[in-house]
Amino acid sequence: MDRRFTTTSFDFQGYKIVEYYGIVRGITVRSRSIVGNIGAGLQSLVGGNITLYSELCEKAREEAYEKMMMHADATPANAIIGLRYDANEVAQGITEVLCYGTAVKIEKI
């Protein structure tokens, strides 16, 4: 699947949806390490962006996205609409990140 055909909207300008294949999703569960918590704690003392947590969050989103794309690749879809992320803390310091959308087949108008 062409990665350019993923969107948070529910259509692609210049294309029409000809088939729906259902929800595709990818999930990852991440924890913060003791070392990461200490480093982030030190960063929080000076204020601003806490890069250790930013990097952890970005890596978790990227991993969930890639898993969703693998799920979509198992379908005949060539696009994903309504892409969303969701995150929940499942235990203290442990977070799940879910990436999901609707797999569809689109054709140029």
PDB file of N, CA and C in Angstrom:
ATOM      1  N   MET A   1       0.843  -1.184   0.000  1.00  0.00           N
ATOM      2  CA  MET A   1       0.000   0.000   0.000  1.00  0.00           C
ATOM      3  C   MET A   1       0.884   1.242   0.000  1.00  0.00           C
ATOM      4  N   ASP A   2       0.513   2.205  -0.783  1.00  0.00           N
ATOM      5  CA  ASP A   2       1.228   3.471  -0.875  1.00  0.00           C
ATOM      6  C   ASP A   2       0.949   4.283   0.391  1.00  0.00           C
ATOM      7  N   ARG A   3       1.992   4.581   1.154  1.00  0.00           N
ATOM      8  CA  ARG A   3       1.846   5.295   2.431  1.00  0.00           C
ATOM      9  C   ARG A   3       1.228   6.692   2.256  1.00  0.00           C
ATOM     10  N   ARG A   4       1.245   7.228   1.038  1.00  0.00           N
ATOM     11  CA  ARG A   4       0.641   8.545   0.809  1.00  0.00           C
ATOM     12  C   ARG A   4      -0.876   8.486   0.907  1.00  0.00           C
ATOM     13  N   PHE A   5      -1.445   7.301   0.786  1.00  0.00           N
ATOM     14  CA  PHE A   5      -2.899   7.171   0.808  1.00  0.00           C
ATOM     15  C   PHE A   5      -3.403   6.778   2.191  1.00  0.00           C
ATOM     16  N   THR A   6      -2.932   7.489   3.185  1.00  0.00           N
ATOM     17  CA  THR A   6      -3.487   7.405   4.536  1.00  0.00           C
ATOM     18  C   THR A   6      -3.871   8.824   4.931  1.00  0.00           C
ATOM     19  N   THR A   7      -5.047   8.951   5.526  1.00  0.00           N
ATOM     20  CA  THR A   7      -5.514  10.291   5.876  1.00  0.00           C
ATOM     21  C   THR A   7      -6.419  10.250   7.101  1.00  0.00           C
ATOM     22  N   THR A   8      -6.460  11.363   7.798  1.00  0.00           N
ATOM     23  CA  THR A   8      -7.392  11.496   8.911  1.00  0.00           C
ATOM     24  C   THR A   8      -8.783  11.880   8.425  1.00  0.00           C
ATOM     25  N   SER A   9      -8.881  12.312   7.182  1.00  0.00           N
ATOM     26  CA  SER A   9     -10.196  12.667   6.633  1.00  0.00           C
ATOM     27  C   SER A   9     -10.887  11.389   6.151  1.00  0.00           C
ATOM     28  N   PHE A  10     -12.056  11.559   5.561  1.00  0.00           N
ATOM     29  CA  PHE A  10     -12.837  10.394   5.156  1.00  0.00           C
ATOM     30  C   PHE A  10     -12.978  10.290   3.644  1.00  0.00           C
ATOM     31  N   ASP A  11     -12.109  11.006   2.914  1.00  0.00           N
ATOM     32  CA  ASP A  11     -12.066  10.882   1.461  1.00  0.00           C
ATOM     33  C   ASP A  11     -10.741  11.441   0.954  1.00  0.00           C
ATOM     34  N   PHE A  12     -10.490  11.208  -0.328  1.00  0.00           N
ATOM     35  CA  PHE A  12      -9.315  11.743  -1.008  1.00  0.00           C
ATOM     36  C   PHE A  12      -9.806  12.562  -2.181  1.00  0.00           C
ATOM     37  N   GLN A  13      -9.386  13.802  -2.241  1.00  0.00           N
ATOM     38  CA  GLN A  13      -9.792  14.661  -3.349  1.00  0.00           C
ATOM     39  C   GLN A  13      -9.312  14.047  -4.664  1.00  0.00           C
ATOM     40  N   GLY A  14     -10.230  13.942  -5.624  1.00  0.00           N
ATOM     41  CA  GLY A  14      -9.901  13.386  -6.923  1.00  0.00           C
ATOM     42  C   GLY A  14     -10.038  11.874  -7.007  1.00  0.00           C
ATOM     43  N   TYR A  15     -10.467  11.249  -5.907  1.00  0.00           N
ATOM     44  CA  TYR A  15     -10.644   9.800  -5.855  1.00  0.00           C
ATOM     45  C   TYR A  15     -12.031   9.484  -5.305  1.00  0.00           C
ATOM     46  N   LYS A  16     -12.512   8.292  -5.630  1.00  0.00           N
ATOM     47  CA  LYS A  16     -13.761   7.834  -5.040  1.00  0.00           C
ATOM     48  C   LYS A  16     -13.504   6.496  -4.357  1.00  0.00           C
ATOM     49  N   ILE A  17     -14.227   6.266  -3.279  1.00  0.00           N
ATOM     50  CA  ILE A  17     -14.116   5.000  -2.552  1.00  0.00           C
ATOM     51  C   ILE A  17     -15.024   3.999  -3.250  1.00  0.00           C
ATOM     52  N   VAL A  18     -14.458   2.857  -3.626  1.00  0.00           N
ATOM     53  CA  VAL A  18     -15.240   1.851  -4.337  1.00  0.00           C
ATOM     54  C   VAL A  18     -15.462   0.591  -3.506  1.00  0.00           C
ATOM     55  N   GLU A  19     -14.724   0.448  -2.409  1.00  0.00           N
ATOM     56  CA  GLU A  19     -14.881  -0.739  -1.561  1.00  0.00           C
ATOM     57  C   GLU A  19     -14.385  -0.417  -0.152  1.00  0.00           C
ATOM     58  N   TYR A  20     -15.097  -0.931   0.839  1.00  0.00           N
ATOM     59  CA  TYR A  20     -14.696  -0.801   2.238  1.00  0.00           C
ATOM     60  C   TYR A  20     -14.270  -2.176   2.746  1.00  0.00           C
ATOM     61  N   TYR A  21     -13.154  -2.243   3.463  1.00  0.00           N
ATOM     62  CA  TYR A  21     -12.655  -3.515   3.978  1.00  0.00           C
ATOM     63  C   TYR A  21     -12.664  -3.586   5.499  1.00  0.00           C
ATOM     64  N   GLY A  22     -13.113  -2.545   6.151  1.00  0.00           N
ATOM     65  CA  GLY A  22     -13.221  -2.575   7.603  1.00  0.00           C
ATOM     66  C   GLY A  22     -12.056  -1.913   8.313  1.00  0.00           C
ATOM     67  N   ILE A  23     -12.098  -2.035   9.609  1.00  0.00           N
ATOM     68  CA  ILE A  23     -11.104  -1.386  10.469  1.00  0.00           C
ATOM     69  C   ILE A  23      -9.791  -2.165  10.436  1.00  0.00           C
ATOM     70  N   VAL A  24      -8.706  -1.410  10.358  1.00  0.00           N
ATOM     71  CA  VAL A  24      -7.364  -1.970  10.522  1.00  0.00           C
ATOM     72  C   VAL A  24      -6.738  -1.258  11.706  1.00  0.00           C
ATOM     73  N   ARG A  25      -5.902  -1.979  12.450  1.00  0.00           N
ATOM     74  CA  ARG A  25      -5.317  -1.352  13.632  1.00  0.00           C
ATOM     75  C   ARG A  25      -3.947  -1.921  13.927  1.00  0.00           C
ATOM     76  N   GLY A  26      -3.198  -1.153  14.672  1.00  0.00           N
ATOM     77  CA  GLY A  26      -1.897  -1.564  15.178  1.00  0.00           C
ATOM     78  C   GLY A  26      -1.791  -1.082  16.609  1.00  0.00           C
ATOM     79  N   ILE A  27      -1.248  -1.903  17.466  1.00  0.00           N
ATOM     80  CA  ILE A  27      -1.142  -1.541  18.881  1.00  0.00           C
ATOM     81  C   ILE A  27       0.261  -1.861  19.384  1.00  0.00           C
ATOM     82  N   THR A  28       0.750  -1.006  20.251  1.00  0.00           N
ATOM     83  CA  THR A  28       2.008  -1.260  20.940  1.00  0.00           C
ATOM     84  C   THR A  28       1.831  -0.847  22.395  1.00  0.00           C
ATOM     85  N   VAL A  29       2.563  -1.484  23.262  1.00  0.00           N
ATOM     86  CA  VAL A  29       2.523  -1.160  24.692  1.00  0.00           C
ATOM     87  C   VAL A  29       3.952  -0.847  25.105  1.00  0.00           C
ATOM     88  N   ARG A  30       4.128   0.299  25.710  1.00  0.00           N
ATOM     89  CA  ARG A  30       5.458   0.794  26.070  1.00  0.00           C
ATOM     90  C   ARG A  30       5.517   1.152  27.547  1.00  0.00           C
ATOM     91  N   SER A  31       6.713   1.014  28.104  1.00  0.00           N
ATOM     92  CA  SER A  31       6.939   1.468  29.472  1.00  0.00           C
ATOM     93  C   SER A  31       8.139   2.406  29.490  1.00  0.00           C
ATOM     94  N   ARG A  32       8.149   3.254  30.473  1.00  0.00           N
ATOM     95  CA  ARG A  32       9.293   4.145  30.670  1.00  0.00           C
ATOM     96  C   ARG A  32      10.296   3.417  31.557  1.00  0.00           C
ATOM     97  N   SER A  33      11.569   3.509  31.225  1.00  0.00           N
ATOM     98  CA  SER A  33      12.596   2.868  32.044  1.00  0.00           C
ATOM     99  C   SER A  33      12.956   3.769  33.228  1.00  0.00           C
ATOM    100  N   ILE A  34      13.587   3.192  34.201  1.00  0.00           N
ATOM    101  CA  ILE A  34      14.058   3.969  35.356  1.00  0.00           C
ATOM    102  C   ILE A  34      15.022   5.061  34.895  1.00  0.00           C
ATOM    103  N   VAL A  35      15.961   4.700  34.018  1.00  0.00           N
ATOM    104  CA  VAL A  35      16.938   5.669  33.508  1.00  0.00           C
ATOM    105  C   VAL A  35      16.218   6.795  32.762  1.00  0.00           C
ATOM    106  N   GLY A  36      15.238   6.428  31.930  1.00  0.00           N
ATOM    107  CA  GLY A  36      14.469   7.431  31.190  1.00  0.00           C
ATOM    108  C   GLY A  36      13.715   8.356  32.121  1.00  0.00           C
ATOM    109  N   ASN A  37      13.121   7.800  33.184  1.00  0.00           N
ATOM    110  CA  ASN A  37      12.392   8.628  34.147  1.00  0.00           C
ATOM    111  C   ASN A  37      13.317   9.606  34.858  1.00  0.00           C
ATOM    112  N   ILE A  38      14.496   9.145  35.201  1.00  0.00           N
ATOM    113  CA  ILE A  38      15.456  10.035  35.876  1.00  0.00           C
ATOM    114  C   ILE A  38      15.890  11.152  34.922  1.00  0.00           C
ATOM    115  N   GLY A  39      16.238  10.770  33.681  1.00  0.00           N
ATOM    116  CA  GLY A  39      16.650  11.775  32.693  1.00  0.00           C
ATOM    117  C   GLY A  39      15.546  12.769  32.411  1.00  0.00           C
ATOM    118  N   ALA A  40      14.314  12.278  32.277  1.00  0.00           N
ATOM    119  CA  ALA A  40      13.177  13.169  32.020  1.00  0.00           C
ATOM    120  C   ALA A  40      12.918  14.062  33.227  1.00  0.00           C
ATOM    121  N   GLY A  41      13.106  13.515  34.422  1.00  0.00           N
ATOM    122  CA  GLY A  41      12.951  14.323  35.631  1.00  0.00           C
ATOM    123  C   GLY A  41      13.934  15.472  35.663  1.00  0.00           C
ATOM    124  N   LEU A  42      15.166  15.201  35.260  1.00  0.00           N
ATOM    125  CA  LEU A  42      16.178  16.260  35.207  1.00  0.00           C
ATOM    126  C   LEU A  42      15.817  17.296  34.147  1.00  0.00           C
ATOM    127  N   GLN A  43      15.318  16.832  32.984  1.00  0.00           N
ATOM    128  CA  GLN A  43      14.904  17.773  31.939  1.00  0.00           C
ATOM    129  C   GLN A  43      13.746  18.635  32.412  1.00  0.00           C
ATOM    130  N   SER A  44      12.851  18.067  33.211  1.00  0.00           N
ATOM    131  CA  SER A  44      11.687  18.836  33.661  1.00  0.00           C
ATOM    132  C   SER A  44      12.081  19.951  34.629  1.00  0.00           C
ATOM    133  N   LEU A  45      13.236  19.829  35.267  1.00  0.00           N
ATOM    134  CA  LEU A  45      13.692  20.873  36.182  1.00  0.00           C
ATOM    135  C   LEU A  45      14.004  22.176  35.450  1.00  0.00           C
ATOM    136  N   VAL A  46      14.485  22.060  34.206  1.00  0.00           N
ATOM    137  CA  VAL A  46      14.827  23.267  33.452  1.00  0.00           C
ATOM    138  C   VAL A  46      13.660  23.736  32.579  1.00  0.00           C
ATOM    139  N   GLY A  47      12.622  22.930  32.471  1.00  0.00           N
ATOM    140  CA  GLY A  47      11.443  23.314  31.686  1.00  0.00           C
ATOM    141  C   GLY A  47      11.621  23.044  30.208  1.00  0.00           C
ATOM    142  N   GLY A  48      10.564  23.301  29.461  1.00  0.00           N
ATOM    143  CA  GLY A  48      10.604  23.101  28.011  1.00  0.00           C
ATOM    144  C   GLY A  48      10.242  21.684  27.617  1.00  0.00           C
ATOM    145  N   ASN A  49      10.607  21.342  26.387  1.00  0.00           N
ATOM    146  CA  ASN A  49      10.307  20.039  25.822  1.00  0.00           C
ATOM    147  C   ASN A  49      11.107  18.956  26.543  1.00  0.00           C
ATOM    148  N   ILE A  50      10.446  17.924  27.001  1.00  0.00           N
ATOM    149  CA  ILE A  50      11.122  16.795  27.636  1.00  0.00           C
ATOM    150  C   ILE A  50      11.380  15.779  26.535  1.00  0.00           C
ATOM    151  N   THR A  51      12.542  15.885  25.920  1.00  0.00           N
ATOM    152  CA  THR A  51      12.847  15.132  24.702  1.00  0.00           C
ATOM    153  C   THR A  51      12.817  13.622  24.906  1.00  0.00           C
ATOM    154  N   LEU A  52      13.186  13.148  26.079  1.00  0.00           N
ATOM    155  CA  LEU A  52      13.160  11.697  26.310  1.00  0.00           C
ATOM    156  C   LEU A  52      11.740  11.150  26.181  1.00  0.00           C
ATOM    157  N   TYR A  53      10.777  11.876  26.721  1.00  0.00           N
ATOM    158  CA  TYR A  53       9.381  11.429  26.610  1.00  0.00           C
ATOM    159  C   TYR A  53       8.849  11.663  25.195  1.00  0.00           C
ATOM    160  N   SER A  54       9.250  12.759  24.573  1.00  0.00           N
ATOM    161  CA  SER A  54       8.822  13.028  23.193  1.00  0.00           C
ATOM    162  C   SER A  54       9.275  11.905  22.269  1.00  0.00           C
ATOM    163  N   GLU A  55      10.529  11.502  22.415  1.00  0.00           N
ATOM    164  CA  GLU A  55      11.069  10.422  21.582  1.00  0.00           C
ATOM    165  C   GLU A  55      10.361   9.107  21.852  1.00  0.00           C
ATOM    166  N   LEU A  56      10.059   8.811  23.110  1.00  0.00           N
ATOM    167  CA  LEU A  56       9.335   7.593  23.465  1.00  0.00           C
ATOM    168  C   LEU A  56       7.942   7.594  22.840  1.00  0.00           C
ATOM    169  N   CYS A  57       7.253   8.717  22.927  1.00  0.00           N
ATOM    170  CA  CYS A  57       5.907   8.828  22.353  1.00  0.00           C
ATOM    171  C   CYS A  57       5.943   8.696  20.839  1.00  0.00           C
ATOM    172  N   GLU A  58       6.905   9.343  20.200  1.00  0.00           N
ATOM    173  CA  GLU A  58       7.011   9.266  18.741  1.00  0.00           C
ATOM    174  C   GLU A  58       7.313   7.842  18.286  1.00  0.00           C
ATOM    175  N   LYS A  59       8.192   7.164  18.995  1.00  0.00           N
ATOM    176  CA  LYS A  59       8.530   5.782  18.640  1.00  0.00           C
ATOM    177  C   LYS A  59       7.309   4.875  18.808  1.00  0.00           C
ATOM    178  N   ALA A  60       6.539   5.078  19.868  1.00  0.00           N
ATOM    179  CA  ALA A  60       5.342   4.266  20.084  1.00  0.00           C
ATOM    180  C   ALA A  60       4.307   4.517  18.989  1.00  0.00           C
ATOM    181  N   ARG A  61       4.107   5.770  18.602  1.00  0.00           N
ATOM    182  CA  ARG A  61       3.157   6.077  17.523  1.00  0.00           C
ATOM    183  C   ARG A  61       3.617   5.472  16.204  1.00  0.00           C
ATOM    184  N   GLU A  62       4.903   5.590  15.917  1.00  0.00           N
ATOM    185  CA  GLU A  62       5.445   5.037  14.673  1.00  0.00           C
ATOM    186  C   GLU A  62       5.268   3.515  14.632  1.00  0.00           C
ATOM    187  N   GLU A  63       5.539   2.860  15.743  1.00  0.00           N
ATOM    188  CA  GLU A  63       5.391   1.405  15.799  1.00  0.00           C
ATOM    189  C   GLU A  63       3.930   0.991  15.616  1.00  0.00           C
ATOM    190  N   ALA A  64       3.018   1.689  16.267  1.00  0.00           N
ATOM    191  CA  ALA A  64       1.588   1.382  16.119  1.00  0.00           C
ATOM    192  C   ALA A  64       1.142   1.619  14.675  1.00  0.00           C
ATOM    193  N   TYR A  65       1.628   2.698  14.055  1.00  0.00           N
ATOM    194  CA  TYR A  65       1.293   3.001  12.656  1.00  0.00           C
ATOM    195  C   TYR A  65       1.783   1.891  11.739  1.00  0.00           C
ATOM    196  N   GLU A  66       3.022   1.459  11.921  1.00  0.00           N
ATOM    197  CA  GLU A  66       3.586   0.402  11.070  1.00  0.00           C
ATOM    198  C   GLU A  66       2.814  -0.908  11.236  1.00  0.00           C
ATOM    199  N   LYS A  67       2.401  -1.219  12.448  1.00  0.00           N
ATOM    200  CA  LYS A  67       1.602  -2.435  12.665  1.00  0.00           C
ATOM    201  C   LYS A  67       0.246  -2.315  11.984  1.00  0.00           C
ATOM    202  N   MET A  68      -0.352  -1.118  12.028  1.00  0.00           N
ATOM    203  CA  MET A  68      -1.619  -0.906  11.331  1.00  0.00           C
ATOM    204  C   MET A  68      -1.434  -1.104   9.834  1.00  0.00           C
ATOM    205  N   MET A  69      -0.330  -0.575   9.290  1.00  0.00           N
ATOM    206  CA  MET A  69      -0.071  -0.718   7.861  1.00  0.00           C
ATOM    207  C   MET A  69       0.130  -2.187   7.482  1.00  0.00           C
ATOM    208  N   MET A  70       0.766  -2.966   8.332  1.00  0.00           N
ATOM    209  CA  MET A  70       0.917  -4.400   8.070  1.00  0.00           C
ATOM    210  C   MET A  70      -0.454  -5.081   8.051  1.00  0.00           C
ATOM    211  N   HIS A  71      -1.316  -4.681   8.967  1.00  0.00           N
ATOM    212  CA  HIS A  71      -2.680  -5.217   8.993  1.00  0.00           C
ATOM    213  C   HIS A  71      -3.403  -4.847   7.701  1.00  0.00           C
ATOM    214  N   ALA A  72      -3.249  -3.603   7.255  1.00  0.00           N
ATOM    215  CA  ALA A  72      -3.894  -3.150   6.019  1.00  0.00           C
ATOM    216  C   ALA A  72      -3.322  -3.874   4.804  1.00  0.00           C
ATOM    217  N   ASP A  73      -2.021  -4.158   4.814  1.00  0.00           N
ATOM    218  CA  ASP A  73      -1.392  -4.865   3.695  1.00  0.00           C
ATOM    219  C   ASP A  73      -1.960  -6.277   3.514  1.00  0.00           C
ATOM    220  N   ALA A  74      -2.580  -6.811   4.549  1.00  0.00           N
ATOM    221  CA  ALA A  74      -3.193  -8.140   4.465  1.00  0.00           C
ATOM    222  C   ALA A  74      -4.581  -8.083   3.824  1.00  0.00           C
ATOM    223  N   THR A  75      -5.030  -6.896   3.457  1.00  0.00           N
ATOM    224  CA  THR A  75      -6.327  -6.721   2.799  1.00  0.00           C
ATOM    225  C   THR A  75      -6.079  -6.257   1.358  1.00  0.00           C
ATOM    226  N   PRO A  76      -7.122  -6.246   0.521  1.00  0.00           N
ATOM    227  CA  PRO A  76      -6.958  -5.708  -0.835  1.00  0.00           C
ATOM    228  C   PRO A  76      -6.981  -4.173  -0.891  1.00  0.00           C
ATOM    229  N   ALA A  77      -7.052  -3.518   0.254  1.00  0.00           N
ATOM    230  CA  ALA A  77      -7.165  -2.056   0.311  1.00  0.00           C
ATOM    231  C   ALA A  77      -5.937  -1.382  -0.301  1.00  0.00           C
ATOM    232  N   ASN A  78      -6.156  -0.167  -0.817  1.00  0.00           N
ATOM    233  CA  ASN A  78      -5.036   0.644  -1.294  1.00  0.00           C
ATOM    234  C   ASN A  78      -5.003   2.008  -0.600  1.00  0.00           C
ATOM    235  N   ALA A  79      -5.844   2.176   0.434  1.00  0.00           N
ATOM    236  CA  ALA A  79      -5.873   3.440   1.176  1.00  0.00           C
ATOM    237  C   ALA A  79      -6.473   3.207   2.563  1.00  0.00           C
ATOM    238  N   ILE A  80      -6.205   4.142   3.456  1.00  0.00           N
ATOM    239  CA  ILE A  80      -6.795   4.131   4.796  1.00  0.00           C
ATOM    240  C   ILE A  80      -7.366   5.508   5.062  1.00  0.00           C
ATOM    241  N   ILE A  81      -8.625   5.530   5.470  1.00  0.00           N
ATOM    242  CA  ILE A  81      -9.282   6.797   5.813  1.00  0.00           C
ATOM    243  C   ILE A  81      -9.584   6.810   7.306  1.00  0.00           C
ATOM    244  N   GLY A  82      -9.832   8.011   7.835  1.00  0.00           N
ATOM    245  CA  GLY A  82     -10.215   8.154   9.239  1.00  0.00           C
ATOM    246  C   GLY A  82      -9.139   7.719  10.207  1.00  0.00           C
ATOM    247  N   LEU A  83      -7.870   7.885   9.837  1.00  0.00           N
ATOM    248  CA  LEU A  83      -6.761   7.455  10.684  1.00  0.00           C
ATOM    249  C   LEU A  83      -6.785   8.206  12.013  1.00  0.00           C
ATOM    250  N   ARG A  84      -6.633   7.466  13.093  1.00  0.00           N
ATOM    251  CA  ARG A  84      -6.634   8.049  14.434  1.00  0.00           C
ATOM    252  C   ARG A  84      -5.614   7.341  15.312  1.00  0.00           C
ATOM    253  N   TYR A  85      -5.213   8.036  16.369  1.00  0.00           N
ATOM    254  CA  TYR A  85      -4.380   7.458  17.422  1.00  0.00           C
ATOM    255  C   TYR A  85      -5.148   7.549  18.728  1.00  0.00           C
ATOM    256  N   ASP A  86      -4.910   6.595  19.589  1.00  0.00           N
ATOM    257  CA  ASP A  86      -5.481   6.613  20.923  1.00  0.00           C
ATOM    258  C   ASP A  86      -4.410   6.073  21.866  1.00  0.00           C
ATOM    259  N   ALA A  87      -4.351   6.592  23.060  1.00  0.00           N
ATOM    260  CA  ALA A  87      -3.382   6.120  24.047  1.00  0.00           C
ATOM    261  C   ALA A  87      -4.064   5.998  25.397  1.00  0.00           C
ATOM    262  N   ASN A  88      -3.736   4.942  26.108  1.00  0.00           N
ATOM    263  CA  ASN A  88      -4.288   4.697  27.445  1.00  0.00           C
ATOM    264  C   ASN A  88      -3.197   4.154  28.348  1.00  0.00           C
ATOM    265  N   GLU A  89      -3.233   4.576  29.583  1.00  0.00           N
ATOM    266  CA  GLU A  89      -2.312   4.023  30.558  1.00  0.00           C
ATOM    267  C   GLU A  89      -2.928   2.734  31.088  1.00  0.00           C
ATOM    268  N   VAL A  90      -2.252   1.602  30.889  1.00  0.00           N
ATOM    269  CA  VAL A  90      -2.790   0.314  31.339  1.00  0.00           C
ATOM    270  C   VAL A  90      -2.301  -0.040  32.736  1.00  0.00           C
ATOM    271  N   ALA A  91      -1.202   0.545  33.144  1.00  0.00           N
ATOM    272  CA  ALA A  91      -0.668   0.428  34.496  1.00  0.00           C
ATOM    273  C   ALA A  91       0.252   1.623  34.678  1.00  0.00           C
ATOM    274  N   GLN A  92       0.649   1.873  35.919  1.00  0.00           N
ATOM    275  CA  GLN A  92       1.503   3.030  36.149  1.00  0.00           C
ATOM    276  C   GLN A  92       2.793   2.910  35.339  1.00  0.00           C
ATOM    277  N   GLY A  93       3.022   3.897  34.465  1.00  0.00           N
ATOM    278  CA  GLY A  93       4.224   3.923  33.654  1.00  0.00           C
ATOM    279  C   GLY A  93       4.166   3.040  32.417  1.00  0.00           C
ATOM    280  N   ILE A  94       3.016   2.394  32.167  1.00  0.00           N
ATOM    281  CA  ILE A  94       2.861   1.525  30.994  1.00  0.00           C
ATOM    282  C   ILE A  94       1.689   2.037  30.172  1.00  0.00           C
ATOM    283  N   THR A  95       1.959   2.366  28.917  1.00  0.00           N
ATOM    284  CA  THR A  95       0.958   2.985  28.055  1.00  0.00           C
ATOM    285  C   THR A  95       0.777   2.172  26.784  1.00  0.00           C
ATOM    286  N   GLU A  96      -0.476   2.000  26.383  1.00  0.00           N
ATOM    287  CA  GLU A  96      -0.762   1.393  25.085  1.00  0.00           C
ATOM    288  C   GLU A  96      -1.016   2.520  24.100  1.00  0.00           C
ATOM    289  N   VAL A  97      -0.545   2.352  22.884  1.00  0.00           N
ATOM    290  CA  VAL A  97      -0.823   3.289  21.807  1.00  0.00           C
ATOM    291  C   VAL A  97      -1.470   2.489  20.681  1.00  0.00           C
ATOM    292  N   LEU A  98      -2.629   2.944  20.265  1.00  0.00           N
ATOM    293  CA  LEU A  98      -3.400   2.290  19.218  1.00  0.00           C
ATOM    294  C   LEU A  98      -3.493   3.234  18.028  1.00  0.00           C
ATOM    295  N   CYS A  99      -3.233   2.716  16.839  1.00  0.00           N
ATOM    296  CA  CYS A  99      -3.409   3.458  15.602  1.00  0.00           C
ATOM    297  C   CYS A  99      -4.437   2.678  14.798  1.00  0.00           C
ATOM    298  N   TYR A 100      -5.473   3.367  14.304  1.00  0.00           N
ATOM    299  CA  TYR A 100      -6.522   2.657  13.589  1.00  0.00           C
ATOM    300  C   TYR A 100      -7.138   3.531  12.515  1.00  0.00           C
ATOM    301  N   GLY A 101      -7.784   2.880  11.570  1.00  0.00           N
ATOM    302  CA  GLY A 101      -8.467   3.569  10.493  1.00  0.00           C
ATOM    303  C   GLY A 101      -9.314   2.562   9.726  1.00  0.00           C
ATOM    304  N   THR A 102      -9.931   3.023   8.652  1.00  0.00           N
ATOM    305  CA  THR A 102     -10.751   2.162   7.808  1.00  0.00           C
ATOM    306  C   THR A 102     -10.023   1.887   6.505  1.00  0.00           C
ATOM    307  N   ALA A 103      -9.833   0.613   6.205  1.00  0.00           N
ATOM    308  CA  ALA A 103      -9.175   0.214   4.962  1.00  0.00           C
ATOM    309  C   ALA A 103     -10.190   0.285   3.819  1.00  0.00           C
ATOM    310  N   VAL A 104      -9.807   0.934   2.736  1.00  0.00           N
ATOM    311  CA  VAL A 104     -10.702   1.106   1.582  1.00  0.00           C
ATOM    312  C   VAL A 104      -9.927   0.924   0.286  1.00  0.00           C
ATOM    313  N   LYS A 105     -10.700   0.727  -0.779  1.00  0.00           N
ATOM    314  CA  LYS A 105     -10.126   0.746  -2.120  1.00  0.00           C
ATOM    315  C   LYS A 105     -10.612   2.018  -2.780  1.00  0.00           C
ATOM    316  N   ILE A 106      -9.660   2.792  -3.320  1.00  0.00           N
ATOM    317  CA  ILE A 106     -10.016   4.038  -3.998  1.00  0.00           C
ATOM    318  C   ILE A 106      -9.611   3.954  -5.459  1.00  0.00           C
ATOM    319  N   GLU A 107     -10.328   4.708  -6.285  1.00  0.00           N
ATOM    320  CA  GLU A 107      -9.999   4.833  -7.695  1.00  0.00           C
ATOM    321  C   GLU A 107     -10.043   6.304  -8.083  1.00  0.00           C
ATOM    322  N   LYS A 108      -9.158   6.677  -8.988  1.00  0.00           N
ATOM    323  CA  LYS A 108      -9.121   8.051  -9.473  1.00  0.00           C
ATOM    324  C   LYS A 108     -10.424   8.364 -10.213  1.00  0.00           C
ATOM    325  N   ILE A 109     -10.958   9.556  -9.996  1.00  0.00           N
ATOM    326  CA  ILE A 109     -12.210   9.971 -10.651  1.00  0.00           C
ATOM    327  C   ILE A 109     -11.889  10.391 -12.075  1.00  0.00           C
TER     328      ILE A 109
END
